[in-house]
Amino acid sequence: MSHSDHDERHPTLLKIRGWIPSLPEAVELETWGHPTFRAGKKIFAIFADHEGEPVLNIKQLPEQQEVWLRDMRFYFPPYTGHKGWIGARVDLLEWKELEPLLLDAYRQVALKRMLKELDEA
């Protein structure tokens, strides 16, 4: 899937791009043709396409994954699912549901100094 296949105007992607600057050392980098969101060098979310629908693959702890997958708005993503990640069907979810998941994913990969800065903000 090439970058041009993504809807650069998708509301969820725009929301994430507006929110990312509030996280210490968080950046967006295109990898594998997809926008990836990172805390420093570590990826915590990937905006992608799954079976023709826009999705957000989000890092989770493996023990949390099973709970999310009971909800049909989430699925087991290829490539990262075996590491505990979840796929979120963004058109079925509101930002207020996605933001806490993204923040949790960021916290899992962020360095201590980033978390300290986030918590002091």
N, C-alpha and C. Protein backbone atom coordinates (compact mmCIF):
# COMPACT_ATOMS: atom_id res chain seq x y z
N MET A 1 0.85 -1.18 0.00
CA MET A 1 0.00 0.00 0.00
C MET A 1 0.89 1.24 0.00
N SER A 2 0.68 2.09 -0.94
CA SER A 2 1.51 3.29 -1.03
C SER A 2 0.86 4.43 -0.27
N HIS A 3 1.66 5.42 0.01
CA HIS A 3 1.20 6.59 0.77
C HIS A 3 -0.03 7.21 0.12
N SER A 4 -0.09 7.21 -1.21
CA SER A 4 -1.19 7.85 -1.91
C SER A 4 -2.52 7.13 -1.67
N ASP A 5 -2.47 5.90 -1.19
CA ASP A 5 -3.71 5.17 -0.92
C ASP A 5 -4.39 5.64 0.35
N HIS A 6 -3.68 6.37 1.19
CA HIS A 6 -4.27 6.86 2.42
C HIS A 6 -5.04 8.14 2.16
N ASP A 7 -6.13 8.30 2.88
CA ASP A 7 -6.85 9.55 2.81
C ASP A 7 -6.18 10.52 3.78
N GLU A 8 -5.36 11.40 3.23
CA GLU A 8 -4.62 12.35 4.06
C GLU A 8 -5.55 13.30 4.81
N ARG A 9 -6.80 13.35 4.40
CA ARG A 9 -7.77 14.25 5.06
C ARG A 9 -8.66 13.49 6.03
N HIS A 10 -8.36 12.21 6.28
CA HIS A 10 -9.21 11.43 7.19
C HIS A 10 -9.26 12.14 8.54
N PRO A 11 -10.45 12.35 9.09
CA PRO A 11 -10.57 13.11 10.35
C PRO A 11 -9.72 12.55 11.50
N THR A 12 -9.63 11.23 11.60
CA THR A 12 -8.84 10.64 12.69
C THR A 12 -7.36 10.92 12.50
N LEU A 13 -6.88 10.80 11.28
CA LEU A 13 -5.47 11.08 11.01
C LEU A 13 -5.16 12.55 11.32
N LEU A 14 -6.05 13.45 10.93
CA LEU A 14 -5.86 14.87 11.22
C LEU A 14 -5.87 15.13 12.73
N LYS A 15 -6.76 14.44 13.46
CA LYS A 15 -6.83 14.58 14.92
C LYS A 15 -5.51 14.17 15.56
N ILE A 16 -4.98 13.01 15.12
CA ILE A 16 -3.72 12.51 15.69
C ILE A 16 -2.60 13.50 15.40
N ARG A 17 -2.56 14.00 14.17
CA ARG A 17 -1.51 14.96 13.81
C ARG A 17 -1.59 16.23 14.63
N GLY A 18 -2.78 16.63 15.02
CA GLY A 18 -2.95 17.81 15.87
C GLY A 18 -2.60 17.54 17.33
N TRP A 19 -2.73 16.27 17.74
CA TRP A 19 -2.54 15.87 19.14
C TRP A 19 -1.09 15.52 19.44
N ILE A 20 -0.40 14.91 18.48
CA ILE A 20 0.99 14.44 18.66
C ILE A 20 1.93 15.50 19.25
N PRO A 21 1.86 16.78 18.81
CA PRO A 21 2.79 17.76 19.38
C PRO A 21 2.66 17.96 20.89
N SER A 22 1.54 17.52 21.47
CA SER A 22 1.37 17.66 22.93
C SER A 22 2.14 16.60 23.70
N LEU A 23 2.68 15.60 23.00
CA LEU A 23 3.43 14.52 23.66
C LEU A 23 4.93 14.78 23.50
N PRO A 24 5.67 14.74 24.60
CA PRO A 24 7.12 14.98 24.51
C PRO A 24 7.82 14.02 23.53
N GLU A 25 8.59 14.61 22.63
CA GLU A 25 9.40 13.86 21.67
C GLU A 25 8.62 12.91 20.77
N ALA A 26 7.32 13.15 20.61
CA ALA A 26 6.51 12.33 19.71
C ALA A 26 6.63 12.87 18.29
N VAL A 27 6.74 11.97 17.33
CA VAL A 27 6.89 12.35 15.93
C VAL A 27 6.08 11.42 15.04
N GLU A 28 5.81 11.92 13.84
CA GLU A 28 5.21 11.10 12.79
C GLU A 28 6.28 10.83 11.74
N LEU A 29 6.41 9.57 11.37
CA LEU A 29 7.33 9.18 10.31
C LEU A 29 6.62 8.21 9.39
N GLU A 30 6.81 8.36 8.10
CA GLU A 30 6.24 7.38 7.19
C GLU A 30 7.16 6.17 7.12
N THR A 31 6.57 5.01 7.37
CA THR A 31 7.30 3.74 7.32
C THR A 31 6.39 2.71 6.67
N TRP A 32 6.95 1.89 5.81
CA TRP A 32 6.17 0.87 5.09
C TRP A 32 5.00 1.51 4.33
N GLY A 33 5.14 2.78 3.95
CA GLY A 33 4.08 3.46 3.23
C GLY A 33 2.93 3.93 4.10
N HIS A 34 3.11 3.89 5.42
CA HIS A 34 2.05 4.30 6.35
C HIS A 34 2.57 5.36 7.31
N PRO A 35 1.69 6.28 7.74
CA PRO A 35 2.09 7.19 8.82
C PRO A 35 2.24 6.39 10.12
N THR A 36 3.42 6.47 10.73
CA THR A 36 3.63 5.83 12.03
C THR A 36 3.87 6.93 13.06
N PHE A 37 3.45 6.68 14.27
CA PHE A 37 3.60 7.65 15.35
C PHE A 37 4.49 7.04 16.41
N ARG A 38 5.49 7.82 16.83
CA ARG A 38 6.54 7.31 17.69
C ARG A 38 6.80 8.22 18.88
N ALA A 39 7.28 7.57 19.94
CA ALA A 39 7.85 8.27 21.09
C ALA A 39 9.35 8.08 20.92
N GLY A 40 10.03 9.12 20.48
CA GLY A 40 11.43 8.97 20.13
C GLY A 40 11.52 8.05 18.92
N LYS A 41 12.20 6.92 19.06
CA LYS A 41 12.35 5.98 17.94
C LYS A 41 11.33 4.84 17.96
N LYS A 42 10.59 4.71 19.06
CA LYS A 42 9.71 3.55 19.21
C LYS A 42 8.27 3.84 18.75
N ILE A 43 7.79 2.97 17.87
CA ILE A 43 6.43 3.14 17.31
C ILE A 43 5.38 2.72 18.34
N PHE A 44 4.34 3.57 18.46
CA PHE A 44 3.22 3.19 19.32
C PHE A 44 1.89 3.14 18.56
N ALA A 45 1.85 3.66 17.33
CA ALA A 45 0.62 3.58 16.53
C ALA A 45 0.96 3.71 15.05
N ILE A 46 0.14 3.06 14.24
CA ILE A 46 0.31 3.08 12.78
C ILE A 46 -1.06 3.30 12.15
N PHE A 47 -1.16 4.35 11.32
CA PHE A 47 -2.40 4.58 10.58
C PHE A 47 -2.29 3.81 9.28
N ALA A 48 -3.24 2.93 9.01
CA ALA A 48 -3.12 2.05 7.86
C ALA A 48 -4.48 1.78 7.24
N ASP A 49 -4.53 0.75 6.43
CA ASP A 49 -5.72 0.34 5.72
C ASP A 49 -5.83 -1.16 5.93
N HIS A 50 -7.00 -1.64 6.31
CA HIS A 50 -7.20 -3.08 6.50
C HIS A 50 -8.48 -3.46 5.77
N GLU A 51 -8.33 -4.31 4.76
CA GLU A 51 -9.48 -4.76 3.97
C GLU A 51 -10.31 -3.58 3.48
N GLY A 52 -9.62 -2.51 3.06
CA GLY A 52 -10.29 -1.37 2.47
C GLY A 52 -10.82 -0.33 3.44
N GLU A 53 -10.63 -0.54 4.74
CA GLU A 53 -11.11 0.47 5.69
C GLU A 53 -9.94 1.07 6.46
N PRO A 54 -10.05 2.36 6.84
CA PRO A 54 -8.97 2.99 7.59
C PRO A 54 -8.91 2.43 9.01
N VAL A 55 -7.70 2.13 9.45
CA VAL A 55 -7.51 1.56 10.79
C VAL A 55 -6.31 2.21 11.47
N LEU A 56 -6.28 2.06 12.75
CA LEU A 56 -5.16 2.52 13.55
C LEU A 56 -4.68 1.32 14.35
N ASN A 57 -3.47 0.89 14.10
CA ASN A 57 -2.89 -0.21 14.87
C ASN A 57 -2.19 0.42 16.07
N ILE A 58 -2.56 -0.05 17.26
CA ILE A 58 -2.14 0.59 18.51
C ILE A 58 -1.47 -0.43 19.41
N LYS A 59 -0.32 -0.05 19.94
CA LYS A 59 0.42 -0.92 20.86
C LYS A 59 -0.39 -1.10 22.15
N GLN A 60 -0.51 -2.34 22.58
CA GLN A 60 -1.16 -2.67 23.85
C GLN A 60 -0.32 -3.74 24.53
N LEU A 61 -0.54 -3.92 25.80
CA LEU A 61 0.10 -5.02 26.50
C LEU A 61 -0.63 -6.29 26.09
N PRO A 62 0.10 -7.38 25.84
CA PRO A 62 -0.56 -8.61 25.37
C PRO A 62 -1.74 -9.05 26.25
N GLU A 63 -1.64 -8.84 27.56
CA GLU A 63 -2.74 -9.27 28.44
C GLU A 63 -3.98 -8.39 28.29
N GLN A 64 -3.85 -7.20 27.70
CA GLN A 64 -5.01 -6.34 27.47
C GLN A 64 -5.68 -6.64 26.13
N GLN A 65 -4.91 -7.22 25.22
CA GLN A 65 -5.38 -7.41 23.85
C GLN A 65 -6.70 -8.19 23.79
N GLU A 66 -6.77 -9.27 24.54
CA GLU A 66 -7.95 -10.14 24.49
C GLU A 66 -9.23 -9.38 24.83
N VAL A 67 -9.14 -8.49 25.80
CA VAL A 67 -10.30 -7.69 26.21
C VAL A 67 -10.79 -6.82 25.06
N TRP A 68 -9.85 -6.13 24.40
CA TRP A 68 -10.22 -5.25 23.27
C TRP A 68 -10.81 -6.05 22.12
N LEU A 69 -10.28 -7.24 21.86
CA LEU A 69 -10.72 -8.01 20.71
C LEU A 69 -12.13 -8.57 20.86
N ARG A 70 -12.69 -8.49 22.06
CA ARG A 70 -14.09 -8.89 22.25
C ARG A 70 -15.03 -7.87 21.62
N ASP A 71 -14.54 -6.66 21.40
CA ASP A 71 -15.31 -5.58 20.80
C ASP A 71 -15.08 -5.64 19.28
N MET A 72 -16.14 -5.74 18.50
CA MET A 72 -16.03 -5.91 17.06
C MET A 72 -15.40 -4.69 16.35
N ARG A 73 -15.24 -3.60 17.06
CA ARG A 73 -14.62 -2.42 16.45
C ARG A 73 -13.09 -2.56 16.42
N PHE A 74 -12.60 -3.63 17.04
CA PHE A 74 -11.16 -3.91 17.08
C PHE A 74 -10.90 -5.26 16.43
N TYR A 75 -9.70 -5.47 15.96
CA TYR A 75 -9.33 -6.74 15.34
C TYR A 75 -7.86 -7.04 15.62
N PHE A 76 -7.47 -8.27 15.30
CA PHE A 76 -6.09 -8.73 15.48
C PHE A 76 -5.30 -8.32 14.25
N PRO A 77 -4.41 -7.32 14.36
CA PRO A 77 -3.71 -6.83 13.16
C PRO A 77 -2.60 -7.76 12.71
N PRO A 78 -2.45 -7.90 11.37
CA PRO A 78 -1.32 -8.68 10.87
C PRO A 78 -0.01 -7.98 11.25
N TYR A 79 1.04 -8.71 11.33
CA TYR A 79 2.40 -8.23 11.62
C TYR A 79 2.63 -7.84 13.08
N THR A 80 1.69 -7.13 13.71
CA THR A 80 1.93 -6.66 15.08
C THR A 80 1.02 -7.33 16.11
N GLY A 81 -0.02 -8.02 15.66
CA GLY A 81 -0.97 -8.65 16.59
C GLY A 81 -0.32 -9.62 17.55
N HIS A 82 0.65 -10.38 17.05
CA HIS A 82 1.32 -11.38 17.91
C HIS A 82 2.13 -10.71 19.01
N LYS A 83 2.37 -9.40 18.90
CA LYS A 83 3.08 -8.66 19.95
C LYS A 83 2.12 -7.96 20.91
N GLY A 84 0.82 -8.22 20.76
CA GLY A 84 -0.17 -7.65 21.66
C GLY A 84 -0.88 -6.43 21.12
N TRP A 85 -0.52 -5.98 19.92
CA TRP A 85 -1.16 -4.80 19.35
C TRP A 85 -2.62 -5.09 19.01
N ILE A 86 -3.41 -4.02 18.91
CA ILE A 86 -4.80 -4.13 18.45
C ILE A 86 -4.99 -3.23 17.24
N GLY A 87 -5.91 -3.63 16.39
CA GLY A 87 -6.30 -2.80 15.25
C GLY A 87 -7.63 -2.16 15.58
N ALA A 88 -7.73 -0.84 15.40
CA ALA A 88 -8.98 -0.11 15.68
C ALA A 88 -9.59 0.36 14.37
N ARG A 89 -10.84 0.01 14.16
CA ARG A 89 -11.56 0.47 12.96
C ARG A 89 -12.01 1.91 13.23
N VAL A 90 -11.21 2.86 12.76
CA VAL A 90 -11.38 4.25 13.19
C VAL A 90 -12.73 4.86 12.82
N ASP A 91 -13.35 4.39 11.75
CA ASP A 91 -14.65 4.96 11.38
C ASP A 91 -15.76 4.54 12.35
N LEU A 92 -15.48 3.56 13.19
CA LEU A 92 -16.48 3.08 14.16
C LEU A 92 -16.21 3.61 15.57
N LEU A 93 -15.12 4.37 15.73
CA LEU A 93 -14.73 4.85 17.05
C LEU A 93 -14.65 6.37 17.09
N GLU A 94 -14.94 6.91 18.26
CA GLU A 94 -14.84 8.36 18.44
C GLU A 94 -13.45 8.68 19.00
N TRP A 95 -13.02 9.92 18.79
CA TRP A 95 -11.71 10.36 19.27
C TRP A 95 -11.59 10.14 20.77
N LYS A 96 -12.66 10.40 21.53
CA LYS A 96 -12.59 10.24 22.99
C LYS A 96 -12.33 8.78 23.39
N GLU A 97 -12.60 7.84 22.48
CA GLU A 97 -12.28 6.43 22.74
C GLU A 97 -10.85 6.09 22.30
N LEU A 98 -10.40 6.72 21.23
CA LEU A 98 -9.07 6.45 20.71
C LEU A 98 -7.96 7.13 21.50
N GLU A 99 -8.21 8.36 21.94
CA GLU A 99 -7.14 9.12 22.61
C GLU A 99 -6.55 8.40 23.81
N PRO A 100 -7.38 7.84 24.74
CA PRO A 100 -6.78 7.14 25.88
C PRO A 100 -5.96 5.92 25.46
N LEU A 101 -6.38 5.23 24.41
CA LEU A 101 -5.62 4.08 23.91
C LEU A 101 -4.27 4.53 23.37
N LEU A 102 -4.28 5.63 22.62
CA LEU A 102 -3.03 6.16 22.06
C LEU A 102 -2.11 6.65 23.17
N LEU A 103 -2.68 7.32 24.16
CA LEU A 103 -1.86 7.83 25.27
C LEU A 103 -1.23 6.66 26.04
N ASP A 104 -2.01 5.61 26.25
CA ASP A 104 -1.51 4.42 26.93
C ASP A 104 -0.38 3.78 26.12
N ALA A 105 -0.56 3.72 24.80
CA ALA A 105 0.46 3.14 23.92
C ALA A 105 1.74 3.98 23.97
N TYR A 106 1.58 5.30 23.93
CA TYR A 106 2.73 6.21 24.03
C TYR A 106 3.48 5.94 25.34
N ARG A 107 2.73 5.85 26.44
CA ARG A 107 3.35 5.63 27.76
C ARG A 107 4.14 4.32 27.81
N GLN A 108 3.69 3.31 27.06
CA GLN A 108 4.38 2.02 27.07
C GLN A 108 5.76 2.08 26.43
N VAL A 109 5.95 2.98 25.47
CA VAL A 109 7.23 3.02 24.76
C VAL A 109 8.09 4.24 25.10
N ALA A 110 7.49 5.25 25.70
CA ALA A 110 8.23 6.48 25.99
C ALA A 110 9.31 6.25 27.05
N LEU A 111 10.38 7.01 26.94
CA LEU A 111 11.45 6.96 27.93
C LEU A 111 11.00 7.68 29.20
N LYS A 112 11.67 7.38 30.31
CA LYS A 112 11.30 7.99 31.60
C LYS A 112 11.28 9.52 31.53
N ARG A 113 12.26 10.11 30.83
CA ARG A 113 12.30 11.58 30.77
C ARG A 113 11.09 12.15 30.02
N MET A 114 10.60 11.41 29.01
CA MET A 114 9.42 11.85 28.27
C MET A 114 8.18 11.78 29.17
N LEU A 115 8.07 10.71 29.93
CA LEU A 115 6.92 10.54 30.82
C LEU A 115 6.94 11.61 31.92
N LYS A 116 8.11 11.91 32.42
CA LYS A 116 8.25 12.95 33.45
C LYS A 116 7.78 14.29 32.89
N GLU A 117 8.22 14.60 31.68
CA GLU A 117 7.81 15.85 31.04
C GLU A 117 6.31 15.89 30.79
N LEU A 118 5.75 14.76 30.34
CA LEU A 118 4.32 14.66 30.08
C LEU A 118 3.53 14.89 31.37
N ASP A 119 3.95 14.23 32.45
CA ASP A 119 3.23 14.31 33.71
C ASP A 119 3.38 15.68 34.39
N GLU A 120 4.44 16.39 34.04
CA GLU A 120 4.64 17.72 34.63
C GLU A 120 3.93 18.80 33.83
N ALA A 121 3.53 18.49 32.62
CA ALA A 121 2.88 19.48 31.73
C ALA A 121 1.49 19.85 32.24
